[in-house]
Amino acid sequence: MEKEFNNALRERIHKAGSEVKLSKIAGVDQSKINRIKNNSVPINNLRLGTVRKLFPDMRIDFLGADGKKGMEGKIIAMIGKLSPEERNDLALAIAAKYKHSIEEKLD
């Protein structure tokens, strides 16, 4: 999880343009961002408020795949990791593959 978090933080810094810019956007000290990025602050020691500031669109799934278990939960979790564009492509592929079934249910 630490590696994923660190990669996500590096991506946020890249998208913001710099640590300083992310600091201004998120309201987190640049030095703290730098320490987190360089693994000087263990992820377990971060306050949830800091994480929320750095990742305002983050969703925490406390129960795992919205409480779904088994294969359904695994599929939901995999789809949740896709980008919006990838989810759209998946939906189009499913619709193309099962067009006849979808049309029957719409009638």
PDB file of N, CA and C in Angstrom:
ATOM      1  N   MET A   1       0.826  -1.195   0.000  1.00  0.00           N
ATOM      2  CA  MET A   1       0.000   0.000   0.000  1.00  0.00           C
ATOM      3  C   MET A   1       0.870   1.259   0.000  1.00  0.00           C
ATOM      4  N   GLU A   2       2.004   1.205   0.691  1.00  0.00           N
ATOM      5  CA  GLU A   2       2.866   2.380   0.747  1.00  0.00           C
ATOM      6  C   GLU A   2       3.389   2.753  -0.633  1.00  0.00           C
ATOM      7  N   LYS A   3       3.739   1.732  -1.418  1.00  0.00           N
ATOM      8  CA  LYS A   3       4.248   1.988  -2.760  1.00  0.00           C
ATOM      9  C   LYS A   3       3.157   2.627  -3.628  1.00  0.00           C
ATOM     10  N   GLU A   4       1.931   2.107  -3.542  1.00  0.00           N
ATOM     11  CA  GLU A   4       0.813   2.673  -4.299  1.00  0.00           C
ATOM     12  C   GLU A   4       0.558   4.118  -3.878  1.00  0.00           C
ATOM     13  N   PHE A   5       0.596   4.360  -2.568  1.00  0.00           N
ATOM     14  CA  PHE A   5       0.367   5.707  -2.057  1.00  0.00           C
ATOM     15  C   PHE A   5       1.448   6.656  -2.581  1.00  0.00           C
ATOM     16  N   ASN A   6       2.694   6.210  -2.501  1.00  0.00           N
ATOM     17  CA  ASN A   6       3.808   7.042  -2.949  1.00  0.00           C
ATOM     18  C   ASN A   6       3.694   7.334  -4.446  1.00  0.00           C
ATOM     19  N   ASN A   7       3.331   6.332  -5.234  1.00  0.00           N
ATOM     20  CA  ASN A   7       3.148   6.541  -6.678  1.00  0.00           C
ATOM     21  C   ASN A   7       2.018   7.526  -6.949  1.00  0.00           C
ATOM     22  N   ALA A   8       0.925   7.393  -6.193  1.00  0.00           N
ATOM     23  CA  ALA A   8      -0.200   8.308  -6.361  1.00  0.00           C
ATOM     24  C   ALA A   8       0.204   9.735  -5.987  1.00  0.00           C
ATOM     25  N   LEU A   9       0.978   9.889  -4.920  1.00  0.00           N
ATOM     26  CA  LEU A   9       1.439  11.218  -4.512  1.00  0.00           C
ATOM     27  C   LEU A   9       2.333  11.822  -5.583  1.00  0.00           C
ATOM     28  N   ARG A  10       3.225  11.024  -6.113  1.00  0.00           N
ATOM     29  CA  ARG A  10       4.111  11.516  -7.177  1.00  0.00           C
ATOM     30  C   ARG A  10       3.308  11.946  -8.405  1.00  0.00           C
ATOM     31  N   GLU A  11       2.256  11.200  -8.704  1.00  0.00           N
ATOM     32  CA  GLU A  11       1.388  11.574  -9.827  1.00  0.00           C
ATOM     33  C   GLU A  11       0.669  12.895  -9.554  1.00  0.00           C
ATOM     34  N   ARG A  12       0.177  13.067  -8.304  1.00  0.00           N
ATOM     35  CA  ARG A  12      -0.488  14.333  -7.930  1.00  0.00           C
ATOM     36  C   ARG A  12       0.483  15.497  -8.056  1.00  0.00           C
ATOM     37  N   ILE A  13       1.731  15.296  -7.617  1.00  0.00           N
ATOM     38  CA  ILE A  13       2.745  16.351  -7.720  1.00  0.00           C
ATOM     39  C   ILE A  13       2.980  16.678  -9.185  1.00  0.00           C
ATOM     40  N   HIS A  14       3.105  15.649 -10.010  1.00  0.00           N
ATOM     41  CA  HIS A  14       3.339  15.852 -11.445  1.00  0.00           C
ATOM     42  C   HIS A  14       2.181  16.621 -12.078  1.00  0.00           C
ATOM     43  N   LYS A  15       0.940  16.217 -11.767  1.00  0.00           N
ATOM     44  CA  LYS A  15      -0.235  16.890 -12.340  1.00  0.00           C
ATOM     45  C   LYS A  15      -0.341  18.332 -11.869  1.00  0.00           C
ATOM     46  N   ALA A  16       0.041  18.580 -10.611  1.00  0.00           N
ATOM     47  CA  ALA A  16      -0.007  19.946 -10.078  1.00  0.00           C
ATOM     48  C   ALA A  16       1.103  20.807 -10.671  1.00  0.00           C
ATOM     49  N   GLY A  17       2.205  20.172 -11.060  1.00  0.00           N
ATOM     50  CA  GLY A  17       3.325  20.911 -11.638  1.00  0.00           C
ATOM     51  C   GLY A  17       4.553  20.936 -10.752  1.00  0.00           C
ATOM     52  N   SER A  18       4.348  20.853  -9.456  1.00  0.00           N
ATOM     53  CA  SER A  18       5.467  20.837  -8.507  1.00  0.00           C
ATOM     54  C   SER A  18       4.917  20.610  -7.105  1.00  0.00           C
ATOM     55  N   GLU A  19       5.819  20.314  -6.186  1.00  0.00           N
ATOM     56  CA  GLU A  19       5.415  20.169  -4.786  1.00  0.00           C
ATOM     57  C   GLU A  19       4.843  21.481  -4.260  1.00  0.00           C
ATOM     58  N   VAL A  20       5.455  22.581  -4.661  1.00  0.00           N
ATOM     59  CA  VAL A  20       4.999  23.899  -4.192  1.00  0.00           C
ATOM     60  C   VAL A  20       3.575  24.162  -4.667  1.00  0.00           C
ATOM     61  N   LYS A  21       3.296  23.852  -5.940  1.00  0.00           N
ATOM     62  CA  LYS A  21       1.944  24.075  -6.463  1.00  0.00           C
ATOM     63  C   LYS A  21       0.936  23.159  -5.783  1.00  0.00           C
ATOM     64  N   LEU A  22       1.309  21.896  -5.571  1.00  0.00           N
ATOM     65  CA  LEU A  22       0.406  20.986  -4.862  1.00  0.00           C
ATOM     66  C   LEU A  22       0.168  21.480  -3.443  1.00  0.00           C
ATOM     67  N   SER A  23       1.192  22.017  -2.823  1.00  0.00           N
ATOM     68  CA  SER A  23       1.068  22.562  -1.480  1.00  0.00           C
ATOM     69  C   SER A  23       0.001  23.657  -1.427  1.00  0.00           C
ATOM     70  N   LYS A  24       0.036  24.534  -2.416  1.00  0.00           N
ATOM     71  CA  LYS A  24      -0.953  25.630  -2.467  1.00  0.00           C
ATOM     72  C   LYS A  24      -2.356  25.102  -2.758  1.00  0.00           C
ATOM     73  N   ILE A  25      -2.460  24.111  -3.655  1.00  0.00           N
ATOM     74  CA  ILE A  25      -3.760  23.541  -4.006  1.00  0.00           C
ATOM     75  C   ILE A  25      -4.364  22.796  -2.816  1.00  0.00           C
ATOM     76  N   ALA A  26      -3.541  21.981  -2.154  1.00  0.00           N
ATOM     77  CA  ALA A  26      -4.039  21.095  -1.102  1.00  0.00           C
ATOM     78  C   ALA A  26      -4.049  21.716   0.282  1.00  0.00           C
ATOM     79  N   GLY A  27      -3.261  22.749   0.480  1.00  0.00           N
ATOM     80  CA  GLY A  27      -3.173  23.335   1.812  1.00  0.00           C
ATOM     81  C   GLY A  27      -2.326  22.510   2.764  1.00  0.00           C
ATOM     82  N   VAL A  28      -1.322  21.837   2.204  1.00  0.00           N
ATOM     83  CA  VAL A  28      -0.390  21.030   2.997  1.00  0.00           C
ATOM     84  C   VAL A  28       0.996  21.601   2.762  1.00  0.00           C
ATOM     85  N   ASP A  29       1.780  21.768   3.835  1.00  0.00           N
ATOM     86  CA  ASP A  29       3.126  22.323   3.698  1.00  0.00           C
ATOM     87  C   ASP A  29       3.943  21.549   2.678  1.00  0.00           C
ATOM     88  N   GLN A  30       4.680  22.283   1.853  1.00  0.00           N
ATOM     89  CA  GLN A  30       5.532  21.660   0.830  1.00  0.00           C
ATOM     90  C   GLN A  30       6.554  20.738   1.466  1.00  0.00           C
ATOM     91  N   SER A  31       7.095  21.131   2.597  1.00  0.00           N
ATOM     92  CA  SER A  31       8.093  20.291   3.255  1.00  0.00           C
ATOM     93  C   SER A  31       7.487  18.959   3.700  1.00  0.00           C
ATOM     94  N   LYS A  32       6.231  18.995   4.128  1.00  0.00           N
ATOM     95  CA  LYS A  32       5.557  17.759   4.530  1.00  0.00           C
ATOM     96  C   LYS A  32       5.322  16.866   3.312  1.00  0.00           C
ATOM     97  N   ILE A  33       4.902  17.465   2.205  1.00  0.00           N
ATOM     98  CA  ILE A  33       4.715  16.712   0.966  1.00  0.00           C
ATOM     99  C   ILE A  33       6.023  16.039   0.577  1.00  0.00           C
ATOM    100  N   ASN A  34       7.116  16.769   0.675  1.00  0.00           N
ATOM    101  CA  ASN A  34       8.426  16.237   0.324  1.00  0.00           C
ATOM    102  C   ASN A  34       8.812  15.076   1.236  1.00  0.00           C
ATOM    103  N   ARG A  35       8.559  15.225   2.535  1.00  0.00           N
ATOM    104  CA  ARG A  35       8.896  14.156   3.488  1.00  0.00           C
ATOM    105  C   ARG A  35       8.062  12.902   3.227  1.00  0.00           C
ATOM    106  N   ILE A  36       6.781  13.101   2.900  1.00  0.00           N
ATOM    107  CA  ILE A  36       5.917  11.963   2.598  1.00  0.00           C
ATOM    108  C   ILE A  36       6.409  11.278   1.314  1.00  0.00           C
ATOM    109  N   LYS A  37       6.704  12.083   0.301  1.00  0.00           N
ATOM    110  CA  LYS A  37       7.155  11.544  -0.986  1.00  0.00           C
ATOM    111  C   LYS A  37       8.443  10.749  -0.839  1.00  0.00           C
ATOM    112  N   ASN A  38       9.324  11.197   0.023  1.00  0.00           N
ATOM    113  CA  ASN A  38      10.617  10.540   0.212  1.00  0.00           C
ATOM    114  C   ASN A  38      10.596   9.484   1.312  1.00  0.00           C
ATOM    115  N   ASN A  39       9.399   9.083   1.714  1.00  0.00           N
ATOM    116  CA  ASN A  39       9.211   8.027   2.719  1.00  0.00           C
ATOM    117  C   ASN A  39       9.817   8.357   4.075  1.00  0.00           C
ATOM    118  N   SER A  40       9.966   9.639   4.378  1.00  0.00           N
ATOM    119  CA  SER A  40      10.459  10.042   5.694  1.00  0.00           C
ATOM    120  C   SER A  40       9.338  10.029   6.728  1.00  0.00           C
ATOM    121  N   VAL A  41       8.101  10.025   6.236  1.00  0.00           N
ATOM    122  CA  VAL A  41       6.932   9.950   7.113  1.00  0.00           C
ATOM    123  C   VAL A  41       6.200   8.662   6.754  1.00  0.00           C
ATOM    124  N   PRO A  42       6.143   7.694   7.661  1.00  0.00           N
ATOM    125  CA  PRO A  42       5.427   6.452   7.352  1.00  0.00           C
ATOM    126  C   PRO A  42       3.953   6.726   7.079  1.00  0.00           C
ATOM    127  N   ILE A  43       3.416   6.031   6.114  1.00  0.00           N
ATOM    128  CA  ILE A  43       2.013   6.235   5.740  1.00  0.00           C
ATOM    129  C   ILE A  43       1.083   6.027   6.937  1.00  0.00           C
ATOM    130  N   ASN A  44       1.432   5.118   7.824  1.00  0.00           N
ATOM    131  CA  ASN A  44       0.597   4.858   9.004  1.00  0.00           C
ATOM    132  C   ASN A  44       0.579   6.020   9.980  1.00  0.00           C
ATOM    133  N   ASN A  45       1.514   6.938   9.843  1.00  0.00           N
ATOM    134  CA  ASN A  45       1.569   8.090  10.749  1.00  0.00           C
ATOM    135  C   ASN A  45       0.879   9.322  10.167  1.00  0.00           C
ATOM    136  N   LEU A  46       0.357   9.211   8.953  1.00  0.00           N
ATOM    137  CA  LEU A  46      -0.322  10.349   8.336  1.00  0.00           C
ATOM    138  C   LEU A  46      -1.720  10.504   8.914  1.00  0.00           C
ATOM    139  N   ARG A  47      -2.116  11.733   9.110  1.00  0.00           N
ATOM    140  CA  ARG A  47      -3.478  11.999   9.550  1.00  0.00           C
ATOM    141  C   ARG A  47      -4.405  11.864   8.353  1.00  0.00           C
ATOM    142  N   LEU A  48      -5.588  11.355   8.606  1.00  0.00           N
ATOM    143  CA  LEU A  48      -6.573  11.196   7.547  1.00  0.00           C
ATOM    144  C   LEU A  48      -6.881  12.543   6.896  1.00  0.00           C
ATOM    145  N   GLY A  49      -6.900  13.599   7.665  1.00  0.00           N
ATOM    146  CA  GLY A  49      -7.157  14.932   7.122  1.00  0.00           C
ATOM    147  C   GLY A  49      -6.113  15.348   6.093  1.00  0.00           C
ATOM    148  N   THR A  50      -4.865  15.006   6.343  1.00  0.00           N
ATOM    149  CA  THR A  50      -3.793  15.323   5.397  1.00  0.00           C
ATOM    150  C   THR A  50      -3.977  14.533   4.110  1.00  0.00           C
ATOM    151  N   VAL A  51      -4.294  13.256   4.256  1.00  0.00           N
ATOM    152  CA  VAL A  51      -4.507  12.411   3.079  1.00  0.00           C
ATOM    153  C   VAL A  51      -5.676  12.947   2.263  1.00  0.00           C
ATOM    154  N   ARG A  52      -6.746  13.352   2.925  1.00  0.00           N
ATOM    155  CA  ARG A  52      -7.925  13.896   2.226  1.00  0.00           C
ATOM    156  C   ARG A  52      -7.595  15.194   1.506  1.00  0.00           C
ATOM    157  N   LYS A  53      -6.740  16.008   2.099  1.00  0.00           N
ATOM    158  CA  LYS A  53      -6.332  17.250   1.431  1.00  0.00           C
ATOM    159  C   LYS A  53      -5.525  16.941   0.173  1.00  0.00           C
ATOM    160  N   LEU A  54      -4.636  15.966   0.275  1.00  0.00           N
ATOM    161  CA  LEU A  54      -3.794  15.613  -0.872  1.00  0.00           C
ATOM    162  C   LEU A  54      -4.577  14.900  -1.968  1.00  0.00           C
ATOM    163  N   PHE A  55      -5.592  14.130  -1.566  1.00  0.00           N
ATOM    164  CA  PHE A  55      -6.395  13.359  -2.513  1.00  0.00           C
ATOM    165  C   PHE A  55      -7.882  13.627  -2.273  1.00  0.00           C
ATOM    166  N   PRO A  56      -8.366  14.808  -2.646  1.00  0.00           N
ATOM    167  CA  PRO A  56      -9.753  15.170  -2.338  1.00  0.00           C
ATOM    168  C   PRO A  56     -10.788  14.288  -3.031  1.00  0.00           C
ATOM    169  N   ASP A  57     -10.435  13.624  -4.123  1.00  0.00           N
ATOM    170  CA  ASP A  57     -11.384  12.762  -4.826  1.00  0.00           C
ATOM    171  C   ASP A  57     -11.291  11.309  -4.371  1.00  0.00           C
ATOM    172  N   MET A  58     -10.469  11.052  -3.383  1.00  0.00           N
ATOM    173  CA  MET A  58     -10.254   9.704  -2.889  1.00  0.00           C
ATOM    174  C   MET A  58     -11.536   9.158  -2.269  1.00  0.00           C
ATOM    175  N   ARG A  59     -11.751   7.859  -2.477  1.00  0.00           N
ATOM    176  CA  ARG A  59     -12.857   7.158  -1.842  1.00  0.00           C
ATOM    177  C   ARG A  59     -12.272   6.071  -0.968  1.00  0.00           C
ATOM    178  N   ILE A  60     -12.756   5.936   0.222  1.00  0.00           N
ATOM    179  CA  ILE A  60     -12.321   4.857   1.095  1.00  0.00           C
ATOM    180  C   ILE A  60     -13.458   3.850   1.149  1.00  0.00           C
ATOM    181  N   ASP A  61     -13.154   2.636   0.788  1.00  0.00           N
ATOM    182  CA  ASP A  61     -14.144   1.567   0.807  1.00  0.00           C
ATOM    183  C   ASP A  61     -13.871   0.712   2.036  1.00  0.00           C
ATOM    184  N   PHE A  62     -14.500   1.071   3.135  1.00  0.00           N
ATOM    185  CA  PHE A  62     -14.233   0.432   4.411  1.00  0.00           C
ATOM    186  C   PHE A  62     -14.573  -1.060   4.417  1.00  0.00           C
ATOM    187  N   LEU A  63     -15.562  -1.454   3.645  1.00  0.00           N
ATOM    188  CA  LEU A  63     -16.002  -2.846   3.660  1.00  0.00           C
ATOM    189  C   LEU A  63     -15.466  -3.656   2.489  1.00  0.00           C
ATOM    190  N   GLY A  64     -14.705  -3.050   1.611  1.00  0.00           N
ATOM    191  CA  GLY A  64     -14.160  -3.768   0.470  1.00  0.00           C
ATOM    192  C   GLY A  64     -15.188  -3.923  -0.626  1.00  0.00           C
ATOM    193  N   ALA A  65     -14.945  -3.264  -1.745  1.00  0.00           N
ATOM    194  CA  ALA A  65     -15.845  -3.321  -2.909  1.00  0.00           C
ATOM    195  C   ALA A  65     -17.290  -3.052  -2.502  1.00  0.00           C
ATOM    196  N   ASP A  66     -17.487  -1.990  -1.739  1.00  0.00           N
ATOM    197  CA  ASP A  66     -18.815  -1.566  -1.307  1.00  0.00           C
ATOM    198  C   ASP A  66     -19.579  -2.655  -0.561  1.00  0.00           C
ATOM    199  N   GLY A  67     -18.851  -3.472   0.184  1.00  0.00           N
ATOM    200  CA  GLY A  67     -19.497  -4.507   0.980  1.00  0.00           C
ATOM    201  C   GLY A  67     -19.836  -5.766   0.208  1.00  0.00           C
ATOM    202  N   LYS A  68     -19.534  -5.801  -1.072  1.00  0.00           N
ATOM    203  CA  LYS A  68     -19.824  -6.987  -1.887  1.00  0.00           C
ATOM    204  C   LYS A  68     -18.740  -8.031  -1.653  1.00  0.00           C
ATOM    205  N   LYS A  69     -19.130  -9.281  -1.667  1.00  0.00           N
ATOM    206  CA  LYS A  69     -18.174 -10.360  -1.445  1.00  0.00           C
ATOM    207  C   LYS A  69     -18.077 -11.232  -2.684  1.00  0.00           C
ATOM    208  N   GLY A  70     -17.089 -12.097  -2.703  1.00  0.00           N
ATOM    209  CA  GLY A  70     -16.937 -13.056  -3.781  1.00  0.00           C
ATOM    210  C   GLY A  70     -16.547 -12.401  -5.091  1.00  0.00           C
ATOM    211  N   MET A  71     -16.933 -13.053  -6.181  1.00  0.00           N
ATOM    212  CA  MET A  71     -16.560 -12.591  -7.513  1.00  0.00           C
ATOM    213  C   MET A  71     -17.138 -11.213  -7.816  1.00  0.00           C
ATOM    214  N   GLU A  72     -18.358 -10.954  -7.379  1.00  0.00           N
ATOM    215  CA  GLU A  72     -18.977  -9.648  -7.622  1.00  0.00           C
ATOM    216  C   GLU A  72     -18.135  -8.527  -7.014  1.00  0.00           C
ATOM    217  N   GLY A  73     -17.663  -8.738  -5.792  1.00  0.00           N
ATOM    218  CA  GLY A  73     -16.815  -7.751  -5.134  1.00  0.00           C
ATOM    219  C   GLY A  73     -15.506  -7.551  -5.861  1.00  0.00           C
ATOM    220  N   LYS A  74     -14.926  -8.654  -6.341  1.00  0.00           N
ATOM    221  CA  LYS A  74     -13.668  -8.559  -7.082  1.00  0.00           C
ATOM    222  C   LYS A  74     -13.850  -7.773  -8.376  1.00  0.00           C
ATOM    223  N   ILE A  75     -14.949  -8.024  -9.074  1.00  0.00           N
ATOM    224  CA  ILE A  75     -15.217  -7.301 -10.323  1.00  0.00           C
ATOM    225  C   ILE A  75     -15.441  -5.824 -10.045  1.00  0.00           C
ATOM    226  N   ILE A  76     -16.214  -5.522  -9.014  1.00  0.00           N
ATOM    227  CA  ILE A  76     -16.452  -4.115  -8.646  1.00  0.00           C
ATOM    228  C   ILE A  76     -15.139  -3.432  -8.295  1.00  0.00           C
ATOM    229  N   ALA A  77     -14.276  -4.123  -7.555  1.00  0.00           N
ATOM    230  CA  ALA A  77     -12.978  -3.555  -7.178  1.00  0.00           C
ATOM    231  C   ALA A  77     -12.119  -3.298  -8.412  1.00  0.00           C
ATOM    232  N   MET A  78     -12.107  -4.240  -9.358  1.00  0.00           N
ATOM    233  CA  MET A  78     -11.306  -4.054 -10.574  1.00  0.00           C
ATOM    234  C   MET A  78     -11.824  -2.883 -11.400  1.00  0.00           C
ATOM    235  N   ILE A  79     -13.136  -2.783 -11.542  1.00  0.00           N
ATOM    236  CA  ILE A  79     -13.722  -1.688 -12.317  1.00  0.00           C
ATOM    237  C   ILE A  79     -13.441  -0.357 -11.632  1.00  0.00           C
ATOM    238  N   GLY A  80     -13.449  -0.363 -10.303  1.00  0.00           N
ATOM    239  CA  GLY A  80     -13.175   0.854  -9.552  1.00  0.00           C
ATOM    240  C   GLY A  80     -11.775   1.400  -9.762  1.00  0.00           C
ATOM    241  N   LYS A  81     -10.845   0.541 -10.176  1.00  0.00           N
ATOM    242  CA  LYS A  81      -9.466   0.964 -10.414  1.00  0.00           C
ATOM    243  C   LYS A  81      -9.264   1.545 -11.812  1.00  0.00           C
ATOM    244  N   LEU A  82     -10.269   1.400 -12.669  1.00  0.00           N
ATOM    245  CA  LEU A  82     -10.149   1.914 -14.032  1.00  0.00           C
ATOM    246  C   LEU A  82     -10.360   3.424 -14.069  1.00  0.00           C
ATOM    247  N   SER A  83      -9.741   4.061 -15.029  1.00  0.00           N
ATOM    248  CA  SER A  83      -9.972   5.491 -15.234  1.00  0.00           C
ATOM    249  C   SER A  83     -11.367   5.670 -15.840  1.00  0.00           C
ATOM    250  N   PRO A  84     -11.921   6.880 -15.803  1.00  0.00           N
ATOM    251  CA  PRO A  84     -13.239   7.096 -16.424  1.00  0.00           C
ATOM    252  C   PRO A  84     -13.254   6.688 -17.905  1.00  0.00           C
ATOM    253  N   GLU A  85     -12.171   6.968 -18.603  1.00  0.00           N
ATOM    254  CA  GLU A  85     -12.102   6.599 -20.018  1.00  0.00           C
ATOM    255  C   GLU A  85     -12.115   5.084 -20.193  1.00  0.00           C
ATOM    256  N   GLU A  86     -11.371   4.386 -19.326  1.00  0.00           N
ATOM    257  CA  GLU A  86     -11.337   2.928 -19.394  1.00  0.00           C
ATOM    258  C   GLU A  86     -12.697   2.325 -19.049  1.00  0.00           C
ATOM    259  N   ARG A  87     -13.394   2.923 -18.079  1.00  0.00           N
ATOM    260  CA  ARG A  87     -14.735   2.438 -17.737  1.00  0.00           C
ATOM    261  C   ARG A  87     -15.697   2.631 -18.905  1.00  0.00           C
ATOM    262  N   ASN A  88     -15.561   3.760 -19.578  1.00  0.00           N
ATOM    263  CA  ASN A  88     -16.403   4.021 -20.742  1.00  0.00           C
ATOM    264  C   ASN A  88     -16.125   3.004 -21.849  1.00  0.00           C
ATOM    265  N   ASP A  89     -14.842   2.741 -22.104  1.00  0.00           N
ATOM    266  CA  ASP A  89     -14.464   1.744 -23.121  1.00  0.00           C
ATOM    267  C   ASP A  89     -15.023   0.372 -22.755  1.00  0.00           C
ATOM    268  N   LEU A  90     -14.956   0.007 -21.478  1.00  0.00           N
ATOM    269  CA  LEU A  90     -15.487  -1.276 -21.030  1.00  0.00           C
ATOM    270  C   LEU A  90     -16.996  -1.351 -21.258  1.00  0.00           C
ATOM    271  N   ALA A  91     -17.696  -0.285 -20.906  1.00  0.00           N
ATOM    272  CA  ALA A  91     -19.147  -0.260 -21.095  1.00  0.00           C
ATOM    273  C   ALA A  91     -19.506  -0.397 -22.572  1.00  0.00           C
ATOM    274  N   LEU A  92     -18.758   0.286 -23.438  1.00  0.00           N
ATOM    275  CA  LEU A  92     -19.016   0.188 -24.878  1.00  0.00           C
ATOM    276  C   LEU A  92     -18.735  -1.222 -25.392  1.00  0.00           C
ATOM    277  N   ALA A  93     -17.669  -1.843 -24.898  1.00  0.00           N
ATOM    278  CA  ALA A  93     -17.333  -3.207 -25.320  1.00  0.00           C
ATOM    279  C   ALA A  93     -18.410  -4.189 -24.877  1.00  0.00           C
ATOM    280  N   ILE A  94     -18.905  -4.040 -23.657  1.00  0.00           N
ATOM    281  CA  ILE A  94     -19.959  -4.926 -23.157  1.00  0.00           C
ATOM    282  C   ILE A  94     -21.240  -4.709 -23.962  1.00  0.00           C
ATOM    283  N   ALA A  95     -21.571  -3.445 -24.210  1.00  0.00           N
ATOM    284  CA  ALA A  95     -22.773  -3.147 -24.984  1.00  0.00           C
ATOM    285  C   ALA A  95     -22.690  -3.726 -26.391  1.00  0.00           C
ATOM    286  N   ALA A  96     -21.510  -3.659 -27.004  1.00  0.00           N
ATOM    287  CA  ALA A  96     -21.341  -4.203 -28.353  1.00  0.00           C
ATOM    288  C   ALA A  96     -21.461  -5.725 -28.337  1.00  0.00           C
ATOM    289  N   LYS A  97     -20.878  -6.361 -27.347  1.00  0.00           N
ATOM    290  CA  LYS A  97     -20.890  -7.825 -27.255  1.00  0.00           C
ATOM    291  C   LYS A  97     -22.294  -8.355 -26.971  1.00  0.00           C
ATOM    292  N   TYR A  98     -23.036  -7.674 -26.130  1.00  0.00           N
ATOM    293  CA  TYR A  98     -24.343  -8.155 -25.703  1.00  0.00           C
ATOM    294  C   TYR A  98     -25.479  -7.271 -26.211  1.00  0.00           C
ATOM    295  N   LYS A  99     -25.297  -6.664 -27.369  1.00  0.00           N
ATOM    296  CA  LYS A  99     -26.283  -5.741 -27.936  1.00  0.00           C
ATOM    297  C   LYS A  99     -27.664  -6.387 -28.034  1.00  0.00           C
ATOM    298  N   HIS A 100     -27.735  -7.607 -28.534  1.00  0.00           N
ATOM    299  CA  HIS A 100     -29.026  -8.286 -28.702  1.00  0.00           C
ATOM    300  C   HIS A 100     -29.733  -8.468 -27.359  1.00  0.00           C
ATOM    301  N   SER A 101     -29.010  -8.889 -26.330  1.00  0.00           N
ATOM    302  CA  SER A 101     -29.611  -9.084 -25.013  1.00  0.00           C
ATOM    303  C   SER A 101     -30.100  -7.777 -24.420  1.00  0.00           C
ATOM    304  N   ILE A 102     -29.327  -6.735 -24.625  1.00  0.00           N
ATOM    305  CA  ILE A 102     -29.703  -5.417 -24.086  1.00  0.00           C
ATOM    306  C   ILE A 102     -30.952  -4.907 -24.785  1.00  0.00           C
ATOM    307  N   GLU A 103     -31.022  -5.072 -26.106  1.00  0.00           N
ATOM    308  CA  GLU A 103     -32.166  -4.609 -26.859  1.00  0.00           C
ATOM    309  C   GLU A 103     -33.445  -5.361 -26.441  1.00  0.00           C
ATOM    310  N   GLU A 104     -33.300  -6.665 -26.183  1.00  0.00           N
ATOM    311  CA  GLU A 104     -34.467  -7.448 -25.741  1.00  0.00           C
ATOM    312  C   GLU A 104     -35.003  -6.922 -24.419  1.00  0.00           C
ATOM    313  N   LYS A 105     -34.119  -6.587 -23.514  1.00  0.00           N
ATOM    314  CA  LYS A 105     -34.557  -6.112 -22.194  1.00  0.00           C
ATOM    315  C   LYS A 105     -35.152  -4.713 -22.259  1.00  0.00           C
ATOM    316  N   LEU A 106     -34.747  -3.937 -23.272  1.00  0.00           N
ATOM    317  CA  LEU A 106     -35.298  -2.592 -23.417  1.00  0.00           C
ATOM    318  C   LEU A 106     -36.682  -2.608 -24.044  1.00  0.00           C
ATOM    319  N   ASP A 107     -36.992  -3.648 -24.778  1.00  0.00           N
ATOM    320  CA  ASP A 107     -38.316  -3.736 -25.451  1.00  0.00           C
ATOM    321  C   ASP A 107     -39.420  -4.060 -24.490  1.00  0.00           C
TER     322      ASP A 107
END
